[in-house]
Amino acid sequence: MAATFIGEPSIRFRRKAGWNHDLSTVDFAADVLDAEGRKPVVCRVTREALEDRLQLAGEFEPLDLFARLKSEIHAVAGGKMMAGEFEPDGSVLVRSQDLNG
């Protein structure tokens, strides 16, 4: 279930992020503003992507790694949203190859 955007959308990332133990991801959210209004999008980045990007394995907490890479992760997630690259559940997942490709 991918979101579709009308007109020229803008993306605003929310400040809060949290660790999802079940998926081994840092979860964060964005609001996409388009001609129809606000559309929330759940975003995730894998722990593997964070560790690979910084070449650190198990040395830091995932939320600390996310904080160090937040601008880059937001740029990748935003690009995926604008390209319509959504997961089947409508979320955006940033993987290792997205940050290290």
PDB file of N, CA and C in Angstrom:
ATOM      1  N   MET A   1       0.840  -1.181   0.000  1.00  0.00           N
ATOM      2  CA  MET A   1       0.000   0.000   0.000  1.00  0.00           C
ATOM      3  C   MET A   1       0.885   1.243   0.000  1.00  0.00           C
ATOM      4  N   ALA A   2       1.204   1.751  -1.130  1.00  0.00           N
ATOM      5  CA  ALA A   2       2.071   2.921  -1.252  1.00  0.00           C
ATOM      6  C   ALA A   2       1.234   4.193  -1.267  1.00  0.00           C
ATOM      7  N   ALA A   3       1.793   5.217  -0.694  1.00  0.00           N
ATOM      8  CA  ALA A   3       1.140   6.517  -0.716  1.00  0.00           C
ATOM      9  C   ALA A   3       1.367   7.160  -2.079  1.00  0.00           C
ATOM     10  N   THR A   4       0.389   7.910  -2.515  1.00  0.00           N
ATOM     11  CA  THR A   4       0.556   8.710  -3.719  1.00  0.00           C
ATOM     12  C   THR A   4       0.399  10.165  -3.307  1.00  0.00           C
ATOM     13  N   PHE A   5       1.189  11.009  -3.927  1.00  0.00           N
ATOM     14  CA  PHE A   5       1.195  12.400  -3.551  1.00  0.00           C
ATOM     15  C   PHE A   5       0.698  13.239  -4.720  1.00  0.00           C
ATOM     16  N   ILE A   6      -0.039  14.290  -4.391  1.00  0.00           N
ATOM     17  CA  ILE A   6      -0.632  15.175  -5.385  1.00  0.00           C
ATOM     18  C   ILE A   6       0.116  16.508  -5.369  1.00  0.00           C
ATOM     19  N   GLY A   7       0.445  17.003  -6.550  1.00  0.00           N
ATOM     20  CA  GLY A   7       1.139  18.287  -6.649  1.00  0.00           C
ATOM     21  C   GLY A   7       2.605  18.147  -6.310  1.00  0.00           C
ATOM     22  N   GLU A   8       3.149  19.166  -5.679  1.00  0.00           N
ATOM     23  CA  GLU A   8       4.552  19.168  -5.279  1.00  0.00           C
ATOM     24  C   GLU A   8       4.635  18.977  -3.767  1.00  0.00           C
ATOM     25  N   PRO A   9       4.808  17.733  -3.330  1.00  0.00           N
ATOM     26  CA  PRO A   9       4.809  17.470  -1.888  1.00  0.00           C
ATOM     27  C   PRO A   9       6.073  17.966  -1.196  1.00  0.00           C
ATOM     28  N   SER A  10       5.932  18.235   0.095  1.00  0.00           N
ATOM     29  CA  SER A  10       7.084  18.537   0.933  1.00  0.00           C
ATOM     30  C   SER A  10       7.085  17.543   2.092  1.00  0.00           C
ATOM     31  N   ILE A  11       8.266  17.264   2.599  1.00  0.00           N
ATOM     32  CA  ILE A  11       8.411  16.267   3.654  1.00  0.00           C
ATOM     33  C   ILE A  11       8.947  16.942   4.904  1.00  0.00           C
ATOM     34  N   ARG A  12       8.321  16.620   6.022  1.00  0.00           N
ATOM     35  CA  ARG A  12       8.800  17.094   7.316  1.00  0.00           C
ATOM     36  C   ARG A  12       8.989  15.864   8.209  1.00  0.00           C
ATOM     37  N   PHE A  13      10.224  15.622   8.635  1.00  0.00           N
ATOM     38  CA  PHE A  13      10.505  14.490   9.505  1.00  0.00           C
ATOM     39  C   PHE A  13      10.238  14.882  10.948  1.00  0.00           C
ATOM     40  N   ARG A  14       9.634  13.991  11.679  1.00  0.00           N
ATOM     41  CA  ARG A  14       9.380  14.220  13.106  1.00  0.00           C
ATOM     42  C   ARG A  14      10.685  14.001  13.870  1.00  0.00           C
ATOM     43  N   ARG A  15      10.793  14.624  15.023  1.00  0.00           N
ATOM     44  CA  ARG A  15      12.031  14.579  15.808  1.00  0.00           C
ATOM     45  C   ARG A  15      12.244  13.241  16.502  1.00  0.00           C
ATOM     46  N   LYS A  16      11.183  12.607  16.926  1.00  0.00           N
ATOM     47  CA  LYS A  16      11.301  11.400  17.745  1.00  0.00           C
ATOM     48  C   LYS A  16      11.630  10.171  16.895  1.00  0.00           C
ATOM     49  N   ALA A  17      12.547   9.358  17.414  1.00  0.00           N
ATOM     50  CA  ALA A  17      12.886   8.072  16.799  1.00  0.00           C
ATOM     51  C   ALA A  17      12.959   7.050  17.922  1.00  0.00           C
ATOM     52  N   GLY A  18      12.715   5.802  17.584  1.00  0.00           N
ATOM     53  CA  GLY A  18      12.754   4.771  18.606  1.00  0.00           C
ATOM     54  C   GLY A  18      13.285   3.458  18.058  1.00  0.00           C
ATOM     55  N   TRP A  19      13.806   2.646  18.954  1.00  0.00           N
ATOM     56  CA  TRP A  19      14.346   1.347  18.584  1.00  0.00           C
ATOM     57  C   TRP A  19      13.213   0.329  18.523  1.00  0.00           C
ATOM     58  N   ASN A  20      13.142  -0.416  17.416  1.00  0.00           N
ATOM     59  CA  ASN A  20      12.161  -1.485  17.240  1.00  0.00           C
ATOM     60  C   ASN A  20      12.918  -2.805  17.377  1.00  0.00           C
ATOM     61  N   HIS A  21      12.843  -3.380  18.566  1.00  0.00           N
ATOM     62  CA  HIS A  21      13.591  -4.600  18.863  1.00  0.00           C
ATOM     63  C   HIS A  21      13.166  -5.754  17.952  1.00  0.00           C
ATOM     64  N   ASP A  22      11.880  -5.867  17.663  1.00  0.00           N
ATOM     65  CA  ASP A  22      11.370  -6.974  16.849  1.00  0.00           C
ATOM     66  C   ASP A  22      11.934  -6.968  15.430  1.00  0.00           C
ATOM     67  N   LEU A  23      12.098  -5.783  14.853  1.00  0.00           N
ATOM     68  CA  LEU A  23      12.570  -5.668  13.472  1.00  0.00           C
ATOM     69  C   LEU A  23      14.055  -5.299  13.370  1.00  0.00           C
ATOM     70  N   SER A  24      14.692  -4.994  14.493  1.00  0.00           N
ATOM     71  CA  SER A  24      16.087  -4.506  14.513  1.00  0.00           C
ATOM     72  C   SER A  24      16.238  -3.274  13.627  1.00  0.00           C
ATOM     73  N   THR A  25      15.321  -2.333  13.826  1.00  0.00           N
ATOM     74  CA  THR A  25      15.341  -1.081  13.074  1.00  0.00           C
ATOM     75  C   THR A  25      15.167   0.099  14.019  1.00  0.00           C
ATOM     76  N   VAL A  26      15.648   1.249  13.584  1.00  0.00           N
ATOM     77  CA  VAL A  26      15.283   2.499  14.226  1.00  0.00           C
ATOM     78  C   VAL A  26      14.094   3.028  13.429  1.00  0.00           C
ATOM     79  N   ASP A  27      12.997   3.248  14.133  1.00  0.00           N
ATOM     80  CA  ASP A  27      11.775   3.730  13.497  1.00  0.00           C
ATOM     81  C   ASP A  27      11.639   5.229  13.723  1.00  0.00           C
ATOM     82  N   PHE A  28      11.251   5.925  12.669  1.00  0.00           N
ATOM     83  CA  PHE A  28      11.011   7.358  12.742  1.00  0.00           C
ATOM     84  C   PHE A  28       9.863   7.657  11.789  1.00  0.00           C
ATOM     85  N   ALA A  29       9.346   8.846  11.821  1.00  0.00           N
ATOM     86  CA  ALA A  29       8.169   9.155  11.010  1.00  0.00           C
ATOM     87  C   ALA A  29       8.361  10.460  10.255  1.00  0.00           C
ATOM     88  N   ALA A  30       7.597  10.562   9.192  1.00  0.00           N
ATOM     89  CA  ALA A  30       7.591  11.781   8.383  1.00  0.00           C
ATOM     90  C   ALA A  30       6.149  12.159   8.089  1.00  0.00           C
ATOM     91  N   ASP A  31       5.928  13.420   7.884  1.00  0.00           N
ATOM     92  CA  ASP A  31       4.652  13.918   7.389  1.00  0.00           C
ATOM     93  C   ASP A  31       4.907  14.475   6.005  1.00  0.00           C
ATOM     94  N   VAL A  32       4.170  13.968   5.034  1.00  0.00           N
ATOM     95  CA  VAL A  32       4.265  14.484   3.673  1.00  0.00           C
ATOM     96  C   VAL A  32       3.074  15.409   3.467  1.00  0.00           C
ATOM     97  N   LEU A  33       3.361  16.632   3.111  1.00  0.00           N
ATOM     98  CA  LEU A  33       2.325  17.621   2.855  1.00  0.00           C
ATOM     99  C   LEU A  33       2.164  17.778   1.350  1.00  0.00           C
ATOM    100  N   ASP A  34       0.952  17.493   0.869  1.00  0.00           N
ATOM    101  CA  ASP A  34       0.682  17.662  -0.556  1.00  0.00           C
ATOM    102  C   ASP A  34      -0.633  18.411  -0.718  1.00  0.00           C
ATOM    103  N   ALA A  35      -1.141  18.472  -1.934  1.00  0.00           N
ATOM    104  CA  ALA A  35      -2.354  19.234  -2.226  1.00  0.00           C
ATOM    105  C   ALA A  35      -3.568  18.710  -1.461  1.00  0.00           C
ATOM    106  N   GLU A  36      -3.519  17.470  -1.019  1.00  0.00           N
ATOM    107  CA  GLU A  36      -4.640  16.883  -0.279  1.00  0.00           C
ATOM    108  C   GLU A  36      -4.488  16.997   1.232  1.00  0.00           C
ATOM    109  N   GLY A  37      -3.335  17.444   1.712  1.00  0.00           N
ATOM    110  CA  GLY A  37      -3.129  17.573   3.152  1.00  0.00           C
ATOM    111  C   GLY A  37      -1.937  16.777   3.627  1.00  0.00           C
ATOM    112  N   ARG A  38      -1.973  16.436   4.905  1.00  0.00           N
ATOM    113  CA  ARG A  38      -0.863  15.735   5.557  1.00  0.00           C
ATOM    114  C   ARG A  38      -1.060  14.228   5.480  1.00  0.00           C
ATOM    115  N   LYS A  39       0.014  13.530   5.087  1.00  0.00           N
ATOM    116  CA  LYS A  39       0.004  12.076   5.030  1.00  0.00           C
ATOM    117  C   LYS A  39       1.181  11.563   5.854  1.00  0.00           C
ATOM    118  N   PRO A  40       0.915  10.874   6.968  1.00  0.00           N
ATOM    119  CA  PRO A  40       2.007  10.337   7.770  1.00  0.00           C
ATOM    120  C   PRO A  40       2.619   9.100   7.117  1.00  0.00           C
ATOM    121  N   VAL A  41       3.934   8.974   7.231  1.00  0.00           N
ATOM    122  CA  VAL A  41       4.650   7.820   6.675  1.00  0.00           C
ATOM    123  C   VAL A  41       5.599   7.292   7.753  1.00  0.00           C
ATOM    124  N   VAL A  42       5.494   6.002   8.036  1.00  0.00           N
ATOM    125  CA  VAL A  42       6.428   5.350   8.954  1.00  0.00           C
ATOM    126  C   VAL A  42       7.700   5.035   8.178  1.00  0.00           C
ATOM    127  N   CYS A  43       8.843   5.370   8.757  1.00  0.00           N
ATOM    128  CA  CYS A  43      10.140   5.119   8.129  1.00  0.00           C
ATOM    129  C   CYS A  43      10.978   4.278   9.082  1.00  0.00           C
ATOM    130  N   ARG A  44      11.858   3.473   8.499  1.00  0.00           N
ATOM    131  CA  ARG A  44      12.744   2.629   9.291  1.00  0.00           C
ATOM    132  C   ARG A  44      14.117   2.588   8.632  1.00  0.00           C
ATOM    133  N   VAL A  45      15.143   2.417   9.481  1.00  0.00           N
ATOM    134  CA  VAL A  45      16.491   2.156   8.985  1.00  0.00           C
ATOM    135  C   VAL A  45      17.002   0.947   9.750  1.00  0.00           C
ATOM    136  N   THR A  46      17.601   0.014   9.036  1.00  0.00           N
ATOM    137  CA  THR A  46      18.072  -1.199   9.688  1.00  0.00           C
ATOM    138  C   THR A  46      19.329  -0.936  10.505  1.00  0.00           C
ATOM    139  N   ARG A  47      19.490  -1.727  11.559  1.00  0.00           N
ATOM    140  CA  ARG A  47      20.703  -1.629  12.366  1.00  0.00           C
ATOM    141  C   ARG A  47      21.920  -1.943  11.499  1.00  0.00           C
ATOM    142  N   GLU A  48      21.780  -2.931  10.631  1.00  0.00           N
ATOM    143  CA  GLU A  48      22.878  -3.298   9.739  1.00  0.00           C
ATOM    144  C   GLU A  48      23.325  -2.106   8.894  1.00  0.00           C
ATOM    145  N   ALA A  49      22.351  -1.337   8.374  1.00  0.00           N
ATOM    146  CA  ALA A  49      22.695  -0.173   7.553  1.00  0.00           C
ATOM    147  C   ALA A  49      23.489   0.846   8.357  1.00  0.00           C
ATOM    148  N   LEU A  50      23.073   1.072   9.606  1.00  0.00           N
ATOM    149  CA  LEU A  50      23.782   2.023  10.465  1.00  0.00           C
ATOM    150  C   LEU A  50      25.204   1.561  10.741  1.00  0.00           C
ATOM    151  N   GLU A  51      25.338   0.290  11.119  1.00  0.00           N
ATOM    152  CA  GLU A  51      26.664  -0.241  11.442  1.00  0.00           C
ATOM    153  C   GLU A  51      27.570  -0.292  10.218  1.00  0.00           C
ATOM    154  N   ASP A  52      27.012  -0.696   9.078  1.00  0.00           N
ATOM    155  CA  ASP A  52      27.808  -0.750   7.853  1.00  0.00           C
ATOM    156  C   ASP A  52      28.291   0.640   7.445  1.00  0.00           C
ATOM    157  N   ARG A  53      27.409   1.620   7.528  1.00  0.00           N
ATOM    158  CA  ARG A  53      27.746   2.975   7.085  1.00  0.00           C
ATOM    159  C   ARG A  53      28.883   3.560   7.912  1.00  0.00           C
ATOM    160  N   LEU A  54      28.848   3.294   9.216  1.00  0.00           N
ATOM    161  CA  LEU A  54      29.873   3.848  10.099  1.00  0.00           C
ATOM    162  C   LEU A  54      30.987   2.852  10.398  1.00  0.00           C
ATOM    163  N   GLN A  55      30.898   1.681   9.800  1.00  0.00           N
ATOM    164  CA  GLN A  55      31.880   0.608   9.992  1.00  0.00           C
ATOM    165  C   GLN A  55      32.080   0.302  11.471  1.00  0.00           C
ATOM    166  N   LEU A  56      30.938   0.182  12.159  1.00  0.00           N
ATOM    167  CA  LEU A  56      30.928  -0.138  13.584  1.00  0.00           C
ATOM    168  C   LEU A  56      29.998  -1.320  13.788  1.00  0.00           C
ATOM    169  N   ALA A  57      30.421  -2.317  14.492  1.00  0.00           N
ATOM    170  CA  ALA A  57      29.580  -3.475  14.748  1.00  0.00           C
ATOM    171  C   ALA A  57      29.379  -3.651  16.246  1.00  0.00           C
ATOM    172  N   GLY A  58      28.178  -3.383  16.712  1.00  0.00           N
ATOM    173  CA  GLY A  58      27.834  -3.615  18.099  1.00  0.00           C
ATOM    174  C   GLY A  58      28.499  -2.706  19.112  1.00  0.00           C
ATOM    175  N   GLU A  59      29.211  -1.687  18.662  1.00  0.00           N
ATOM    176  CA  GLU A  59      29.937  -0.825  19.589  1.00  0.00           C
ATOM    177  C   GLU A  59      29.072   0.299  20.161  1.00  0.00           C
ATOM    178  N   PHE A  60      28.001   0.651  19.465  1.00  0.00           N
ATOM    179  CA  PHE A  60      27.171   1.770  19.874  1.00  0.00           C
ATOM    180  C   PHE A  60      25.704   1.380  19.831  1.00  0.00           C
ATOM    181  N   GLU A  61      24.911   2.128  20.547  1.00  0.00           N
ATOM    182  CA  GLU A  61      23.470   1.928  20.509  1.00  0.00           C
ATOM    183  C   GLU A  61      22.934   2.427  19.163  1.00  0.00           C
ATOM    184  N   PRO A  62      21.951   1.721  18.610  1.00  0.00           N
ATOM    185  CA  PRO A  62      21.394   2.119  17.311  1.00  0.00           C
ATOM    186  C   PRO A  62      20.875   3.556  17.275  1.00  0.00           C
ATOM    187  N   LEU A  63      20.273   4.029  18.353  1.00  0.00           N
ATOM    188  CA  LEU A  63      19.761   5.403  18.349  1.00  0.00           C
ATOM    189  C   LEU A  63      20.894   6.427  18.289  1.00  0.00           C
ATOM    190  N   ASP A  64      22.041   6.090  18.875  1.00  0.00           N
ATOM    191  CA  ASP A  64      23.206   6.978  18.772  1.00  0.00           C
ATOM    192  C   ASP A  64      23.728   7.011  17.339  1.00  0.00           C
ATOM    193  N   LEU A  65      23.763   5.844  16.700  1.00  0.00           N
ATOM    194  CA  LEU A  65      24.207   5.776  15.306  1.00  0.00           C
ATOM    195  C   LEU A  65      23.239   6.549  14.408  1.00  0.00           C
ATOM    196  N   PHE A  66      21.944   6.389  14.666  1.00  0.00           N
ATOM    197  CA  PHE A  66      20.932   7.118  13.901  1.00  0.00           C
ATOM    198  C   PHE A  66      21.151   8.625  14.031  1.00  0.00           C
ATOM    199  N   ALA A  67      21.401   9.078  15.248  1.00  0.00           N
ATOM    200  CA  ALA A  67      21.607  10.516  15.470  1.00  0.00           C
ATOM    201  C   ALA A  67      22.800  11.035  14.664  1.00  0.00           C
ATOM    202  N   ARG A  68      23.842  10.233  14.560  1.00  0.00           N
ATOM    203  CA  ARG A  68      25.040  10.636  13.810  1.00  0.00           C
ATOM    204  C   ARG A  68      24.770  10.732  12.308  1.00  0.00           C
ATOM    205  N   LEU A  69      23.821   9.939  11.827  1.00  0.00           N
ATOM    206  CA  LEU A  69      23.549   9.857  10.378  1.00  0.00           C
ATOM    207  C   LEU A  69      22.184  10.416   9.987  1.00  0.00           C
ATOM    208  N   LYS A  70      21.526  11.088  10.903  1.00  0.00           N
ATOM    209  CA  LYS A  70      20.131  11.479  10.683  1.00  0.00           C
ATOM    210  C   LYS A  70      19.911  12.244   9.380  1.00  0.00           C
ATOM    211  N   SER A  71      20.726  13.219   9.070  1.00  0.00           N
ATOM    212  CA  SER A  71      20.530  14.001   7.842  1.00  0.00           C
ATOM    213  C   SER A  71      20.612  13.122   6.601  1.00  0.00           C
ATOM    214  N   GLU A  72      21.593  12.243   6.580  1.00  0.00           N
ATOM    215  CA  GLU A  72      21.764  11.342   5.442  1.00  0.00           C
ATOM    216  C   GLU A  72      20.593  10.357   5.335  1.00  0.00           C
ATOM    217  N   ILE A  73      20.170   9.817   6.462  1.00  0.00           N
ATOM    218  CA  ILE A  73      19.046   8.870   6.472  1.00  0.00           C
ATOM    219  C   ILE A  73      17.768   9.563   6.016  1.00  0.00           C
ATOM    220  N   HIS A  74      17.533  10.764   6.501  1.00  0.00           N
ATOM    221  CA  HIS A  74      16.342  11.514   6.084  1.00  0.00           C
ATOM    222  C   HIS A  74      16.372  11.780   4.576  1.00  0.00           C
ATOM    223  N   ALA A  75      17.529  12.117   4.045  1.00  0.00           N
ATOM    224  CA  ALA A  75      17.639  12.368   2.602  1.00  0.00           C
ATOM    225  C   ALA A  75      17.311  11.106   1.806  1.00  0.00           C
ATOM    226  N   VAL A  76      17.827   9.972   2.249  1.00  0.00           N
ATOM    227  CA  VAL A  76      17.558   8.713   1.549  1.00  0.00           C
ATOM    228  C   VAL A  76      16.076   8.352   1.657  1.00  0.00           C
ATOM    229  N   ALA A  77      15.521   8.452   2.860  1.00  0.00           N
ATOM    230  CA  ALA A  77      14.105   8.124   3.054  1.00  0.00           C
ATOM    231  C   ALA A  77      13.214   9.052   2.229  1.00  0.00           C
ATOM    232  N   GLY A  78      13.540  10.331   2.209  1.00  0.00           N
ATOM    233  CA  GLY A  78      12.764  11.284   1.410  1.00  0.00           C
ATOM    234  C   GLY A  78      12.825  10.967  -0.069  1.00  0.00           C
ATOM    235  N   GLY A  79      14.003  10.603  -0.545  1.00  0.00           N
ATOM    236  CA  GLY A  79      14.148  10.222  -1.944  1.00  0.00           C
ATOM    237  C   GLY A  79      13.326   8.992  -2.292  1.00  0.00           C
ATOM    238  N   LYS A  80      13.315   8.033  -1.373  1.00  0.00           N
ATOM    239  CA  LYS A  80      12.525   6.820  -1.608  1.00  0.00           C
ATOM    240  C   LYS A  80      11.025   7.149  -1.654  1.00  0.00           C
ATOM    241  N   MET A  81      10.571   8.045  -0.776  1.00  0.00           N
ATOM    242  CA  MET A  81       9.169   8.452  -0.789  1.00  0.00           C
ATOM    243  C   MET A  81       8.808   9.110  -2.116  1.00  0.00           C
ATOM    244  N   MET A  82       9.636  10.037  -2.554  1.00  0.00           N
ATOM    245  CA  MET A  82       9.333  10.756  -3.797  1.00  0.00           C
ATOM    246  C   MET A  82       9.383   9.833  -5.010  1.00  0.00           C
ATOM    247  N   ALA A  83      10.191   8.769  -4.933  1.00  0.00           N
ATOM    248  CA  ALA A  83      10.286   7.799  -6.026  1.00  0.00           C
ATOM    249  C   ALA A  83       9.211   6.715  -5.924  1.00  0.00           C
ATOM    250  N   GLY A  84       8.418   6.753  -4.863  1.00  0.00           N
ATOM    251  CA  GLY A  84       7.373   5.757  -4.683  1.00  0.00           C
ATOM    252  C   GLY A  84       7.885   4.397  -4.236  1.00  0.00           C
ATOM    253  N   GLU A  85       9.053   4.369  -3.597  1.00  0.00           N
ATOM    254  CA  GLU A  85       9.670   3.114  -3.153  1.00  0.00           C
ATOM    255  C   GLU A  85       9.227   2.777  -1.732  1.00  0.00           C
ATOM    256  N   PHE A  86       8.014   2.255  -1.622  1.00  0.00           N
ATOM    257  CA  PHE A  86       7.429   1.900  -0.335  1.00  0.00           C
ATOM    258  C   PHE A  86       7.422   0.392  -0.154  1.00  0.00           C
ATOM    259  N   GLU A  87       7.463  -0.029   1.097  1.00  0.00           N
ATOM    260  CA  GLU A  87       7.307  -1.434   1.437  1.00  0.00           C
ATOM    261  C   GLU A  87       5.828  -1.812   1.279  1.00  0.00           C
ATOM    262  N   PRO A  88       5.508  -3.102   1.235  1.00  0.00           N
ATOM    263  CA  PRO A  88       4.101  -3.509   1.085  1.00  0.00           C
ATOM    264  C   PRO A  88       3.168  -2.925   2.147  1.00  0.00           C
ATOM    265  N   ASP A  89       3.686  -2.649   3.353  1.00  0.00           N
ATOM    266  CA  ASP A  89       2.835  -2.086   4.404  1.00  0.00           C
ATOM    267  C   ASP A  89       2.729  -0.560   4.334  1.00  0.00           C
ATOM    268  N   GLY A  90       3.346   0.069   3.327  1.00  0.00           N
ATOM    269  CA  GLY A  90       3.280   1.514   3.156  1.00  0.00           C
ATOM    270  C   GLY A  90       4.412   2.276   3.824  1.00  0.00           C
ATOM    271  N   SER A  91       5.298   1.570   4.505  1.00  0.00           N
ATOM    272  CA  SER A  91       6.437   2.223   5.165  1.00  0.00           C
ATOM    273  C   SER A  91       7.590   2.391   4.178  1.00  0.00           C
ATOM    274  N   VAL A  92       8.608   3.106   4.624  1.00  0.00           N
ATOM    275  CA  VAL A  92       9.847   3.278   3.861  1.00  0.00           C
ATOM    276  C   VAL A  92      10.959   2.637   4.679  1.00  0.00           C
ATOM    277  N   LEU A  93      11.728   1.756   4.055  1.00  0.00           N
ATOM    278  CA  LEU A  93      12.819   1.066   4.737  1.00  0.00           C
ATOM    279  C   LEU A  93      14.148   1.450   4.107  1.00  0.00           C
ATOM    280  N   VAL A  94      15.045   1.987   4.928  1.00  0.00           N
ATOM    281  CA  VAL A  94      16.395   2.316   4.477  1.00  0.00           C
ATOM    282  C   VAL A  94      17.292   1.140   4.845  1.00  0.00           C
ATOM    283  N   ARG A  95      17.855   0.530   3.822  1.00  0.00           N
ATOM    284  CA  ARG A  95      18.707  -0.642   3.997  1.00  0.00           C
ATOM    285  C   ARG A  95      20.178  -0.272   3.817  1.00  0.00           C
ATOM    286  N   SER A  96      21.034  -1.235   4.083  1.00  0.00           N
ATOM    287  CA  SER A  96      22.477  -1.012   3.980  1.00  0.00           C
ATOM    288  C   SER A  96      22.868  -0.505   2.596  1.00  0.00           C
ATOM    289  N   GLN A  97      22.351  -1.125   1.535  1.00  0.00           N
ATOM    290  CA  GLN A  97      22.730  -0.715   0.191  1.00  0.00           C
ATOM    291  C   GLN A  97      22.253   0.704  -0.139  1.00  0.00           C
ATOM    292  N   ASP A  98      21.216   1.192   0.554  1.00  0.00           N
ATOM    293  CA  ASP A  98      20.742   2.563   0.340  1.00  0.00           C
ATOM    294  C   ASP A  98      21.736   3.590   0.884  1.00  0.00           C
ATOM    295  N   LEU A  99      22.382   3.266   2.006  1.00  0.00           N
ATOM    296  CA  LEU A  99      23.347   4.181   2.612  1.00  0.00           C
ATOM    297  C   LEU A  99      24.762   3.957   2.122  1.00  0.00           C
ATOM    298  N   ASN A 100      25.022   2.767   1.640  1.00  0.00           N
ATOM    299  CA  ASN A 100      26.392   2.389   1.292  1.00  0.00           C
ATOM    300  C   ASN A 100      26.555   2.039  -0.164  1.00  0.00           C
ATOM    301  N   GLY A 101      25.485   2.250  -0.963  1.00  0.00           N
ATOM    302  CA  GLY A 101      25.453   1.821  -2.340  1.00  0.00           C
ATOM    303  C   GLY A 101      26.340   2.590  -3.223  1.00  0.00           C
TER     304      GLY A 101
END
